[in-house]
Amino acid sequence: MSLDEVDKLRNEMKQITNQILGLIGQRMELAKKIGEIKTMLDLDIVDDKAELGVKSHVLDNSKNFSLDPEFTGRVVNLLITEAVRIQNIERMKKLNQVNNNLNNTSGNIKKNGIKVDVKNKTYLDNSSLEGKGPKIRSHLDVFNFAKTLEANGKSIIHMEVGEPDFPPPVEVRNELSNIYDSGKFHYTQAAGIAELRERLSKYLTTFFTEKTESKKHDNFVNPKNIIVTPGGRFGIFITFSSLLRPGDEIIVIEPAWPACHDCANYLGVKTRTVKSNLENGWEPDLNDIEDQININTKIICLNYPNNPTGKILSKETLKKIVVLASKSNLYLLSDEVYSNYAYRPFESIINFGYEKAILVSSFSKTFAMTGFRVGFAYSADKNIINKLINIQALALTSVAEPMQYCASLALNSDPQINRRIMKERIELVCNGLKNLPFEYVVPDGAMYVFARINKELKISDLKLVESLLDNGVAVAPGSGFGSSYSNFIRISTCIETQKIKTGLEVIKETLGKI
């Protein structure tokens, strides 16, 4: 044994690494060619069945190389993710070539195998011929563009964003005026001030467990198991950051608010989707969830009441999902931001006694405190919360102390009047859509109606969004909540009744011109 032998082995490792990189380069060239064919045939880039087939094949062979199957799976996921990225880049190049040739063209054209109906303006993306607006893919894109239009003097009815138009509770106003004099403007514990966590403990015990059959007791929700976060989205981000590694996988039930997918993608984590549909009342197929679970799956993500559909899962369905998670030792992340806006019985994930469940919520919707940026996460497993605290301390120290005290006082108010108002608005929108070319399920909760565009209109969500913006109404495109929902729009009910009525009239008039 000598250092010379170590050097020799290191040189062998260099050569093998170069060989591996060369093979990866060949793999990406193949992925590029596959992407070109998919674009020509108008196929989805992501093919879960093909991906799982590749993964299964590689995992079977990994046994011959004495490799850890979980490590092998993560490596395969990273390769698949890079292949998808390359294919997306190639597809966008093709689409840009098409759009560059659309000017001064009429009728149907075919460019590189991609058909574009210019006469009816059905483009593969919604970049206008005149370049009058940015590409719109999500509700935030719509919101930002609508704000730009408003800055230029155009009046917009905002039915695209989930920001309640109510003021925060009066207790919050009073606390804001007292904060400076009381000196509440310092660093706090990374987990949040004790007062807020203790009040959240009582709030969670009362609100989320009032329908449970188990006996309530004062310590059901331990305040030490709560972390105060800057909004619900950051709660999701630090959960993923602390529990996942690149190449791991999460499962998301679509349609879905894109935060889980976006956070996972940023961290190099693979998202597997389970698609629900209007015909089944947005009820997820549990067999589909089980089929997506593999050696690299770490978290099943839930969002109920759902954004955008308003769906609420029954207690029986949630029980079955908990059993699936428990069987594979998975975490359950439950985004329950809209729990106050439940119009039928709602059951929180914390009522099932699953140690690996993580509840994420916020003050933004319930108490109309979107700009305060206060959310929270809870788990019965203190070790999980400690991991979240460590990441939050590293990233931003803590939520601003003044905002935490405002949130604490907000818990003294009764937000049920907000729920009643939102339910009335939901009913107003649903009634208004009855005579329009849309199909929908009356939401169980939340503050949106997710409506399918009648196929006879032959118009995509993005094109309809663009037309409505031209006429002064902003709605969210369904494709922002999953690639399978490009024939849907999401209508928010976070504006006063008269504006909703006016917005519905504009939608009716716009559709009449199509």
Protein backbone atom coordinates (compact mmCIF):
# COMPACT_ATOMS: atom_id res chain seq x y z
CA MET A 1 0.00 0.00 0.00
CA SER A 2 1.47 3.37 -1.03
CA LEU A 3 0.58 6.86 -2.20
CA ASP A 4 1.60 5.81 -5.70
CA GLU A 5 -1.14 3.22 -5.65
CA VAL A 6 -3.65 5.89 -4.52
CA ASP A 7 -2.56 8.13 -7.41
CA LYS A 8 -2.95 5.25 -9.83
CA LEU A 9 -6.51 4.57 -8.61
CA ARG A 10 -7.35 8.28 -8.85
CA ASN A 11 -6.18 8.36 -12.46
CA GLU A 12 -8.39 5.36 -13.20
CA MET A 13 -11.31 7.23 -11.62
CA LYS A 14 -10.59 10.25 -13.86
CA GLN A 15 -10.64 8.08 -16.96
CA ILE A 16 -13.86 6.34 -15.91
CA THR A 17 -15.45 9.72 -15.11
CA ASN A 18 -14.54 10.98 -18.58
CA GLN A 19 -16.10 7.87 -20.09
CA ILE A 20 -19.26 8.43 -18.04
CA LEU A 21 -19.48 12.05 -19.20
CA GLY A 22 -18.98 10.97 -22.80
CA LEU A 23 -21.84 8.49 -22.51
CA ILE A 24 -24.01 11.16 -20.88
CA GLY A 25 -23.29 13.42 -23.85
CA GLN A 26 -24.41 10.67 -26.22
CA ARG A 27 -27.54 10.15 -24.12
CA MET A 28 -28.43 13.85 -24.36
CA GLU A 29 -27.99 13.80 -28.15
CA LEU A 30 -30.47 10.92 -28.28
CA ALA A 31 -32.82 12.87 -25.99
CA LYS A 32 -32.58 15.85 -28.34
CA LYS A 33 -33.54 13.69 -31.34
CA ILE A 34 -36.46 12.18 -29.40
CA GLY A 35 -37.57 15.72 -28.52
CA GLU A 36 -37.55 16.74 -32.17
CA ILE A 37 -39.76 13.78 -33.06
CA LYS A 38 -42.12 14.57 -30.18
CA THR A 39 -42.44 18.15 -31.42
CA MET A 40 -43.14 17.00 -34.99
CA LEU A 41 -45.83 14.60 -33.72
CA ASP A 42 -47.20 17.13 -31.19
CA LEU A 43 -46.52 14.78 -28.26
CA ASP A 44 -46.01 15.79 -24.65
CA ILE A 45 -42.35 16.06 -23.69
CA VAL A 46 -42.87 14.42 -20.30
CA ASP A 47 -43.91 10.78 -20.60
CA ASP A 48 -44.24 9.23 -17.15
CA LYS A 49 -44.78 5.73 -18.49
CA ALA A 50 -41.59 5.84 -20.59
CA GLU A 51 -39.61 7.39 -17.73
CA LEU A 52 -40.72 4.74 -15.26
CA GLY A 53 -39.87 2.07 -17.85
CA VAL A 54 -36.32 3.39 -18.17
CA LYS A 55 -35.99 3.65 -14.42
CA SER A 56 -37.27 0.11 -13.83
CA HIS A 57 -34.84 -1.27 -16.41
CA VAL A 58 -31.86 0.53 -14.88
CA LEU A 59 -32.77 -0.44 -11.31
CA ASP A 60 -33.00 -4.08 -12.31
CA ASN A 61 -29.52 -3.90 -13.83
CA SER A 62 -28.07 -1.95 -10.89
CA LYS A 63 -28.09 -5.16 -8.87
CA ASN A 64 -25.35 -6.48 -11.15
CA PHE A 65 -23.11 -3.53 -10.27
CA SER A 66 -23.55 -3.62 -6.48
CA LEU A 67 -25.06 -0.10 -6.52
CA ASP A 68 -27.49 1.24 -3.96
CA PRO A 69 -30.90 1.26 -5.72
CA GLU A 70 -31.96 4.59 -4.20
CA PHE A 71 -28.74 6.26 -5.37
CA THR A 72 -29.18 4.71 -8.81
CA GLY A 73 -32.74 6.03 -8.98
CA ARG A 74 -31.65 9.55 -8.09
CA VAL A 75 -28.95 9.51 -10.78
CA VAL A 76 -31.50 8.33 -13.37
CA ASN A 77 -33.90 11.10 -12.31
CA LEU A 78 -31.19 13.73 -12.79
CA LEU A 79 -30.49 12.38 -16.28
CA ILE A 80 -34.21 12.40 -17.12
CA THR A 81 -34.63 15.95 -15.81
CA GLU A 82 -31.75 17.17 -17.97
CA ALA A 83 -33.19 15.38 -21.00
CA VAL A 84 -36.55 17.08 -20.44
CA ARG A 85 -34.80 20.46 -20.15
CA ILE A 86 -33.00 19.91 -23.45
CA GLN A 87 -36.20 18.82 -25.17
CA ASN A 88 -38.04 21.89 -23.86
CA ILE A 89 -35.29 24.15 -25.22
CA GLU A 90 -35.50 22.51 -28.64
CA ARG A 91 -39.29 22.78 -28.67
CA MET A 92 -39.16 26.48 -27.85
CA LYS A 93 -36.69 27.00 -30.70
CA LYS A 94 -39.12 25.34 -33.09
CA LEU A 95 -42.04 27.40 -31.80
CA ASN A 96 -40.06 30.61 -32.16
CA GLN A 97 -39.26 29.67 -35.75
CA VAL A 98 -42.97 29.21 -36.38
CA ASN A 99 -43.92 32.52 -34.77
CA ASN A 100 -41.23 34.37 -36.71
CA ASN A 101 -42.89 33.20 -39.92
CA LEU A 102 -46.46 34.11 -38.92
CA ASN A 103 -46.24 37.82 -39.80
CA ASN A 104 -48.31 38.77 -42.84
CA THR A 105 -49.47 35.16 -43.20
CA SER A 106 -53.09 34.05 -43.51
CA GLY A 107 -54.80 30.68 -43.47
CA ASN A 108 -53.18 27.48 -42.22
CA ILE A 109 -49.45 26.99 -42.48
CA LYS A 110 -47.21 24.15 -41.53
CA LYS A 111 -43.68 24.85 -40.40
CA ASN A 112 -41.31 22.05 -39.38
CA GLY A 113 -44.32 19.80 -38.94
CA ILE A 114 -46.08 22.18 -36.51
CA LYS A 115 -49.51 23.25 -37.64
CA VAL A 116 -50.65 26.77 -36.82
CA ASP A 117 -54.10 28.12 -37.60
CA VAL A 118 -53.40 31.78 -38.29
CA LYS A 119 -56.89 32.66 -39.42
CA ASN A 120 -58.36 31.74 -36.05
CA LYS A 121 -55.21 32.86 -34.25
CA THR A 122 -54.70 29.53 -32.49
CA TYR A 123 -50.98 29.73 -31.77
CA LEU A 124 -48.84 27.28 -29.90
CA ASP A 125 -47.95 30.05 -27.52
CA ASN A 126 -49.68 33.36 -27.01
CA SER A 127 -47.02 35.75 -28.23
CA SER A 128 -49.00 38.20 -30.29
CA LEU A 129 -48.11 39.01 -33.88
CA GLU A 130 -47.48 42.62 -32.95
CA GLY A 131 -45.51 41.70 -29.82
CA LYS A 132 -47.90 43.75 -27.72
CA GLY A 133 -47.56 41.63 -24.58
CA PRO A 134 -45.32 39.14 -22.79
CA LYS A 135 -45.78 35.39 -22.86
CA ILE A 136 -48.47 34.38 -20.38
CA ARG A 137 -48.29 30.95 -18.75
CA SER A 138 -49.58 31.45 -15.20
CA HIS A 139 -51.92 33.56 -13.08
CA LEU A 140 -48.94 35.62 -11.92
CA ASP A 141 -48.03 36.41 -15.53
CA VAL A 142 -51.60 37.59 -16.08
CA PHE A 143 -51.55 39.64 -12.88
CA ASN A 144 -48.26 41.33 -13.78
CA PHE A 145 -49.38 42.12 -17.33
CA ALA A 146 -52.74 43.40 -16.05
CA LYS A 147 -50.90 45.72 -13.67
CA THR A 148 -48.83 47.01 -16.59
CA LEU A 149 -52.03 47.70 -18.55
CA GLU A 150 -53.48 49.54 -15.54
CA ALA A 151 -50.34 51.66 -15.25
CA ASN A 152 -50.94 52.67 -18.87
CA GLY A 153 -54.49 53.77 -18.07
CA LYS A 154 -56.54 50.65 -18.90
CA SER A 155 -59.23 49.58 -16.42
CA ILE A 156 -58.95 45.91 -15.40
CA ILE A 157 -61.34 43.72 -13.39
CA HIS A 158 -59.07 41.31 -11.50
CA MET A 159 -60.51 37.80 -11.53
CA GLU A 160 -57.11 36.11 -11.83
CA VAL A 161 -55.50 36.43 -8.42
CA GLY A 162 -56.41 34.90 -5.05
CA GLU A 163 -56.10 37.99 -2.89
CA PRO A 164 -59.17 38.66 -0.72
CA ASP A 165 -60.47 42.22 -0.97
CA PHE A 166 -61.41 42.35 2.72
CA PRO A 167 -59.25 44.40 5.09
CA PRO A 168 -57.26 42.54 7.77
CA PRO A 169 -58.99 42.26 11.17
CA VAL A 170 -59.32 45.49 13.18
CA GLU A 171 -57.08 43.90 15.82
CA VAL A 172 -54.27 44.01 13.27
CA ARG A 173 -54.79 47.72 12.60
CA ASN A 174 -54.63 48.47 16.31
CA GLU A 175 -51.49 46.38 16.76
CA LEU A 176 -49.75 48.13 13.86
CA SER A 177 -50.25 51.48 15.59
CA ASN A 178 -48.78 50.11 18.84
CA ILE A 179 -45.76 48.27 17.49
CA TYR A 180 -43.32 51.18 17.41
CA ASP A 181 -44.09 52.40 20.92
CA SER A 182 -43.94 48.89 22.35
CA GLY A 183 -40.55 48.17 20.73
CA LYS A 184 -41.63 45.10 18.77
CA PHE A 185 -39.10 45.41 15.98
CA HIS A 186 -36.20 43.07 16.79
CA TYR A 187 -34.74 39.73 15.80
CA THR A 188 -36.77 36.77 17.04
CA GLN A 189 -36.23 33.05 17.37
CA ALA A 190 -36.05 31.40 13.96
CA ALA A 191 -39.14 29.35 14.85
CA GLY A 192 -41.14 32.48 15.66
CA ILE A 193 -42.19 34.35 18.79
CA ALA A 194 -43.54 32.19 21.61
CA GLU A 195 -46.78 34.17 21.86
CA LEU A 196 -47.74 33.48 18.25
CA ARG A 197 -46.81 29.80 18.38
CA GLU A 198 -48.82 29.30 21.56
CA ARG A 199 -51.86 31.00 20.05
CA LEU A 200 -51.44 28.97 16.87
CA SER A 201 -51.35 25.84 19.01
CA LYS A 202 -54.75 26.68 20.50
CA TYR A 203 -56.09 27.76 17.11
CA LEU A 204 -55.03 24.53 15.42
CA THR A 205 -56.36 22.39 18.26
CA THR A 206 -59.73 24.12 18.10
CA PHE A 207 -60.17 24.81 14.39
CA PHE A 208 -58.56 21.78 12.75
CA THR A 209 -59.68 19.17 15.26
CA GLU A 210 -63.22 20.30 16.06
CA LYS A 211 -64.67 17.59 13.78
CA THR A 212 -62.37 14.77 14.84
CA GLU A 213 -63.68 11.83 16.80
CA SER A 214 -60.58 11.68 18.97
CA LYS A 215 -60.63 13.39 22.33
CA LYS A 216 -59.13 16.87 22.32
CA HIS A 217 -56.67 17.94 24.97
CA ASP A 218 -54.65 21.06 25.59
CA ASN A 219 -51.38 19.65 24.27
CA PHE A 220 -52.77 18.07 21.11
CA VAL A 221 -50.80 20.60 19.06
CA ASN A 222 -47.52 21.38 20.81
CA PRO A 223 -46.38 24.98 20.17
CA LYS A 224 -42.78 23.70 20.03
CA ASN A 225 -43.79 21.76 16.93
CA ILE A 226 -44.79 24.92 15.04
CA ILE A 227 -42.58 27.15 12.92
CA VAL A 228 -43.70 30.61 11.76
CA THR A 229 -42.70 31.17 8.13
CA PRO A 230 -42.80 34.15 5.71
CA GLY A 231 -45.92 32.90 3.94
CA GLY A 232 -47.10 29.40 3.08
CA ARG A 233 -44.94 29.12 -0.04
CA PHE A 234 -41.73 29.45 2.00
CA GLY A 235 -43.05 26.75 4.32
CA ILE A 236 -43.16 24.44 1.30
CA PHE A 237 -39.71 25.52 0.15
CA ILE A 238 -37.96 24.88 3.48
CA THR A 239 -39.79 21.55 3.84
CA PHE A 240 -38.40 20.42 0.50
CA SER A 241 -34.98 21.93 1.22
CA SER A 242 -34.65 20.09 4.51
CA LEU A 243 -36.11 16.70 3.53
CA LEU A 244 -35.15 16.19 -0.12
CA ARG A 245 -32.00 15.71 -2.18
CA PRO A 246 -31.48 16.17 -5.93
CA GLY A 247 -32.94 13.18 -7.75
CA ASP A 248 -35.59 12.49 -5.09
CA GLU A 249 -39.26 12.54 -6.10
CA ILE A 250 -42.51 14.08 -4.95
CA ILE A 251 -46.06 13.29 -6.05
CA VAL A 252 -48.45 16.15 -6.85
CA ILE A 253 -52.16 15.78 -7.63
CA GLU A 254 -53.16 18.04 -10.51
CA PRO A 255 -54.62 20.49 -11.22
CA ALA A 256 -52.45 22.16 -8.61
CA TRP A 257 -51.06 25.48 -7.51
CA PRO A 258 -47.57 25.29 -9.07
CA ALA A 259 -45.54 26.09 -5.92
CA CYS A 260 -44.68 22.45 -5.12
CA HIS A 261 -43.55 21.72 -8.66
CA ASP A 262 -41.59 24.97 -8.90
CA CYS A 263 -39.81 24.47 -5.56
CA ALA A 264 -39.00 20.86 -6.43
CA ASN A 265 -37.68 21.81 -9.84
CA TYR A 266 -35.41 24.47 -8.31
CA LEU A 267 -33.94 21.87 -5.95
CA GLY A 268 -33.37 19.23 -8.65
CA VAL A 269 -36.25 17.10 -7.36
CA LYS A 270 -38.46 15.17 -9.78
CA THR A 271 -42.22 15.82 -9.71
CA ARG A 272 -44.55 12.99 -10.62
CA THR A 273 -48.13 14.02 -11.28
CA VAL A 274 -51.45 12.33 -10.72
CA LYS A 275 -54.11 13.93 -12.89
CA SER A 276 -57.69 14.33 -11.71
CA ASN A 277 -60.52 15.38 -14.01
CA LEU A 278 -63.81 17.23 -14.14
CA GLU A 279 -65.82 14.12 -15.02
CA ASN A 280 -64.87 12.47 -11.71
CA GLY A 281 -65.46 15.62 -9.70
CA TRP A 282 -61.69 16.17 -9.30
CA GLU A 283 -61.42 13.03 -7.15
CA PRO A 284 -57.88 11.60 -7.46
CA ASP A 285 -57.50 7.93 -8.39
CA LEU A 286 -55.69 6.27 -5.48
CA ASN A 287 -54.37 3.57 -7.80
CA ASP A 288 -52.67 6.28 -9.85
CA ILE A 289 -51.03 7.63 -6.70
CA GLU A 290 -49.82 4.16 -5.74
CA ASP A 291 -48.49 3.56 -9.27
CA GLN A 292 -46.28 6.65 -9.02
CA ILE A 293 -44.62 5.56 -5.77
CA ASN A 294 -41.11 4.15 -6.24
CA ILE A 295 -37.82 3.87 -4.37
CA ASN A 296 -37.07 7.60 -4.80
CA THR A 297 -40.50 8.92 -3.75
CA LYS A 298 -40.25 10.93 -0.54
CA ILE A 299 -43.33 13.19 -0.29
CA ILE A 300 -46.97 13.08 -1.37
CA CYS A 301 -48.23 16.67 -1.68
CA LEU A 302 -51.85 17.54 -0.94
CA ASN A 303 -53.67 20.85 -1.41
CA TYR A 304 -57.25 20.78 -0.13
CA PRO A 305 -59.44 22.76 -0.36
CA ASN A 306 -57.79 22.73 -3.74
CA ASN A 307 -56.48 25.63 -5.74
CA PRO A 308 -57.84 25.89 -8.46
CA THR A 309 -60.82 23.49 -8.26
CA GLY A 310 -62.03 24.02 -4.67
CA LYS A 311 -62.20 20.23 -4.21
CA ILE A 312 -62.25 18.86 -0.63
CA LEU A 313 -61.28 15.24 -0.06
CA SER A 314 -63.46 13.08 2.17
CA LYS A 315 -62.16 11.70 5.43
CA GLU A 316 -62.24 8.20 3.92
CA THR A 317 -60.09 9.23 0.94
CA LEU A 318 -57.57 10.98 3.18
CA LYS A 319 -57.35 7.87 5.36
CA LYS A 320 -56.44 5.79 2.32
CA ILE A 321 -53.78 8.28 1.27
CA VAL A 322 -52.31 8.19 4.77
CA VAL A 323 -52.19 4.38 4.54
CA LEU A 324 -50.38 4.62 1.18
CA ALA A 325 -47.85 7.05 2.65
CA SER A 326 -47.35 4.98 5.77
CA LYS A 327 -46.81 1.77 3.78
CA SER A 328 -43.91 3.36 1.88
CA ASN A 329 -42.67 5.49 4.80
CA LEU A 330 -43.39 8.74 2.93
CA TYR A 331 -43.90 12.27 4.16
CA LEU A 332 -47.31 13.87 3.62
CA LEU A 333 -47.23 17.63 2.95
CA SER A 334 -50.69 19.15 3.27
CA ASP A 335 -51.21 22.74 2.09
CA GLU A 336 -54.37 23.82 3.93
CA VAL A 337 -54.22 27.55 3.23
CA TYR A 338 -57.90 27.58 2.17
CA SER A 339 -59.21 25.57 5.12
CA ASN A 340 -61.26 28.52 6.43
CA TYR A 341 -63.05 28.61 3.09
CA ALA A 342 -64.63 25.15 3.33
CA TYR A 343 -68.30 24.92 2.35
CA ARG A 344 -68.65 21.25 3.28
CA PRO A 345 -67.00 19.19 6.07
CA PHE A 346 -63.23 19.49 5.95
CA GLU A 347 -60.71 17.23 7.65
CA SER A 348 -57.14 18.34 8.33
CA ILE A 349 -54.24 15.97 7.84
CA ILE A 350 -53.24 16.47 11.48
CA ASN A 351 -56.37 14.60 12.58
CA PHE A 352 -55.00 11.26 11.39
CA GLY A 353 -52.09 10.96 13.83
CA TYR A 354 -49.51 10.37 11.10
CA GLU A 355 -46.08 11.36 12.43
CA LYS A 356 -44.66 12.16 9.00
CA ALA A 357 -47.46 14.57 8.09
CA ILE A 358 -46.61 18.25 7.70
CA LEU A 359 -49.31 20.92 7.71
CA VAL A 360 -48.60 24.20 5.89
CA SER A 361 -50.92 27.19 6.12
CA SER A 362 -50.87 30.97 6.29
CA PHE A 363 -52.66 34.13 7.37
CA SER A 364 -52.92 35.41 3.80
CA LYS A 365 -56.33 34.01 2.83
CA THR A 366 -58.09 33.41 6.17
CA PHE A 367 -57.30 36.84 7.61
CA ALA A 368 -56.76 38.77 4.33
CA MET A 369 -53.12 39.46 5.26
CA THR A 370 -51.37 38.68 1.97
CA GLY A 371 -48.84 41.52 2.27
CA PHE A 372 -47.87 40.66 5.85
CA ARG A 373 -46.18 37.44 4.69
CA VAL A 374 -46.89 35.25 7.69
CA GLY A 375 -47.46 31.52 7.42
CA PHE A 376 -46.71 28.48 9.54
CA ALA A 377 -45.91 24.78 9.44
CA TYR A 378 -46.69 22.06 11.97
CA SER A 379 -45.72 18.42 12.39
CA ALA A 380 -46.20 15.97 15.23
CA ASP A 381 -42.57 14.98 14.65
CA LYS A 382 -40.41 17.64 16.32
CA ASN A 383 -37.36 16.45 14.38
CA ILE A 384 -39.02 17.53 11.13
CA ILE A 385 -39.74 21.01 12.50
CA ASN A 386 -36.16 21.31 13.80
CA LYS A 387 -34.90 20.69 10.26
CA LEU A 388 -37.19 23.43 8.94
CA ILE A 389 -36.00 25.81 11.68
CA ASN A 390 -32.36 25.20 10.72
CA ILE A 391 -33.01 26.02 7.06
CA GLN A 392 -35.03 29.13 7.93
CA ALA A 393 -32.34 30.38 10.32
CA LEU A 394 -29.79 29.95 7.54
CA ALA A 395 -31.90 31.72 4.92
CA LEU A 396 -33.52 34.69 6.67
CA THR A 397 -33.19 34.51 10.50
CA SER A 398 -36.93 34.89 11.19
CA VAL A 399 -40.20 36.43 10.09
CA ALA A 400 -40.30 40.17 10.85
CA GLU A 401 -41.29 40.63 14.49
CA PRO A 402 -43.96 43.33 13.84
CA MET A 403 -45.74 41.02 11.40
CA GLN A 404 -45.69 38.16 13.89
CA TYR A 405 -47.40 40.25 16.57
CA CYS A 406 -50.01 41.35 14.04
CA ALA A 407 -50.66 37.72 13.16
CA SER A 408 -50.96 36.83 16.83
CA LEU A 409 -53.66 39.48 17.34
CA ALA A 410 -55.46 38.37 14.17
CA LEU A 411 -56.15 35.04 15.88
CA ASN A 412 -58.45 36.90 18.26
CA SER A 413 -60.82 37.72 15.38
CA ASP A 414 -63.55 35.59 13.82
CA PRO A 415 -62.89 35.08 10.09
CA GLN A 416 -66.16 33.23 9.44
CA ILE A 417 -67.79 36.29 7.91
CA ASN A 418 -65.10 36.17 5.22
CA ARG A 419 -66.05 32.56 4.51
CA ARG A 420 -69.74 33.44 4.14
CA ILE A 421 -69.00 36.31 1.76
CA MET A 422 -66.74 34.13 -0.39
CA LYS A 423 -69.33 31.35 -0.55
CA GLU A 424 -71.94 33.83 -1.82
CA ARG A 425 -69.52 35.02 -4.49
CA ILE A 426 -68.75 31.45 -5.55
CA GLU A 427 -72.49 30.86 -6.00
CA LEU A 428 -72.78 34.10 -7.98
CA VAL A 429 -70.06 33.05 -10.43
CA CYS A 430 -71.46 29.53 -10.80
CA ASN A 431 -74.93 30.89 -11.55
CA GLY A 432 -73.45 33.33 -14.04
CA LEU A 433 -71.60 30.55 -15.87
CA LYS A 434 -74.71 28.39 -16.29
CA ASN A 435 -75.73 30.20 -19.46
CA LEU A 436 -72.21 30.45 -20.85
CA PRO A 437 -70.21 27.81 -22.80
CA PHE A 438 -68.39 26.44 -19.75
CA GLU A 439 -68.52 23.23 -17.72
CA TYR A 440 -67.62 23.14 -14.04
CA VAL A 441 -68.16 21.45 -10.70
CA VAL A 442 -69.48 23.67 -7.91
CA PRO A 443 -66.45 24.08 -5.61
CA ASP A 444 -66.43 22.51 -2.14
CA GLY A 445 -64.24 25.34 -0.89
CA ALA A 446 -61.55 27.96 -1.65
CA MET A 447 -62.25 31.11 -3.70
CA TYR A 448 -62.18 30.04 -7.33
CA VAL A 449 -64.26 28.41 -10.03
CA PHE A 450 -62.28 26.20 -12.42
CA ALA A 451 -64.30 26.15 -15.64
CA ARG A 452 -63.74 24.13 -18.80
CA ILE A 453 -64.12 25.98 -22.08
CA ASN A 454 -66.66 24.37 -24.38
CA LYS A 455 -64.70 22.57 -27.11
CA GLU A 456 -67.02 23.99 -29.79
CA LEU A 457 -65.39 27.38 -29.22
CA LYS A 458 -62.08 25.95 -30.48
CA ILE A 459 -60.04 28.33 -28.37
CA SER A 460 -57.23 27.66 -25.91
CA ASP A 461 -57.06 29.04 -22.39
CA LEU A 462 -54.18 31.36 -23.32
CA LYS A 463 -55.99 32.84 -26.28
CA LEU A 464 -59.16 33.37 -24.23
CA VAL A 465 -57.12 35.00 -21.46
CA GLU A 466 -55.56 37.32 -24.03
CA SER A 467 -58.96 38.25 -25.49
CA LEU A 468 -60.42 38.94 -22.06
CA LEU A 469 -57.45 41.13 -21.14
CA ASP A 470 -58.07 43.14 -24.29
CA ASN A 471 -61.61 43.70 -22.98
CA GLY A 472 -60.59 44.58 -19.43
CA VAL A 473 -60.97 41.30 -17.50
CA ALA A 474 -58.10 39.22 -16.11
CA VAL A 475 -58.58 35.48 -15.46
CA ALA A 476 -56.00 32.73 -14.91
CA PRO A 477 -55.15 30.17 -17.61
CA GLY A 478 -55.86 26.57 -16.67
CA SER A 479 -52.55 25.40 -18.13
CA GLY A 480 -50.79 27.19 -15.28
CA PHE A 481 -52.12 24.45 -13.00
CA GLY A 482 -51.04 21.50 -15.14
CA SER A 483 -50.33 20.78 -18.80
CA SER A 484 -53.58 18.82 -19.18
CA TYR A 485 -55.79 21.81 -18.40
CA SER A 486 -55.23 24.15 -21.34
CA ASN A 487 -58.98 24.14 -21.98
CA PHE A 488 -59.79 25.60 -18.55
CA ILE A 489 -59.74 29.03 -16.94
CA ARG A 490 -59.72 29.85 -13.23
CA ILE A 491 -62.05 32.62 -12.11
CA SER A 492 -61.26 34.22 -8.76
CA THR A 493 -64.04 35.54 -6.51
CA CYS A 494 -61.83 37.90 -4.51
CA ILE A 495 -63.57 41.08 -5.67
CA GLU A 496 -66.82 42.76 -4.73
CA THR A 497 -70.13 41.48 -6.11
CA GLN A 498 -70.74 44.25 -8.64
CA LYS A 499 -67.31 43.78 -10.19
CA ILE A 500 -67.98 40.03 -10.46
CA LYS A 501 -71.24 40.73 -12.29
CA THR A 502 -69.51 43.16 -14.64
CA GLY A 503 -66.68 40.71 -15.22
CA LEU A 504 -69.15 37.95 -16.13
CA GLU A 505 -70.85 40.28 -18.59
CA VAL A 506 -67.51 41.04 -20.24
CA ILE A 507 -66.77 37.30 -20.46
CA LYS A 508 -70.17 36.77 -22.10
CA GLU A 509 -69.63 39.58 -24.60
CA THR A 510 -66.10 38.40 -25.42
CA LEU A 511 -67.26 34.84 -26.06
CA GLY A 512 -70.04 36.16 -28.26
CA LYS A 513 -67.44 37.64 -30.59
CA ILE A 514 -65.40 34.44 -30.93
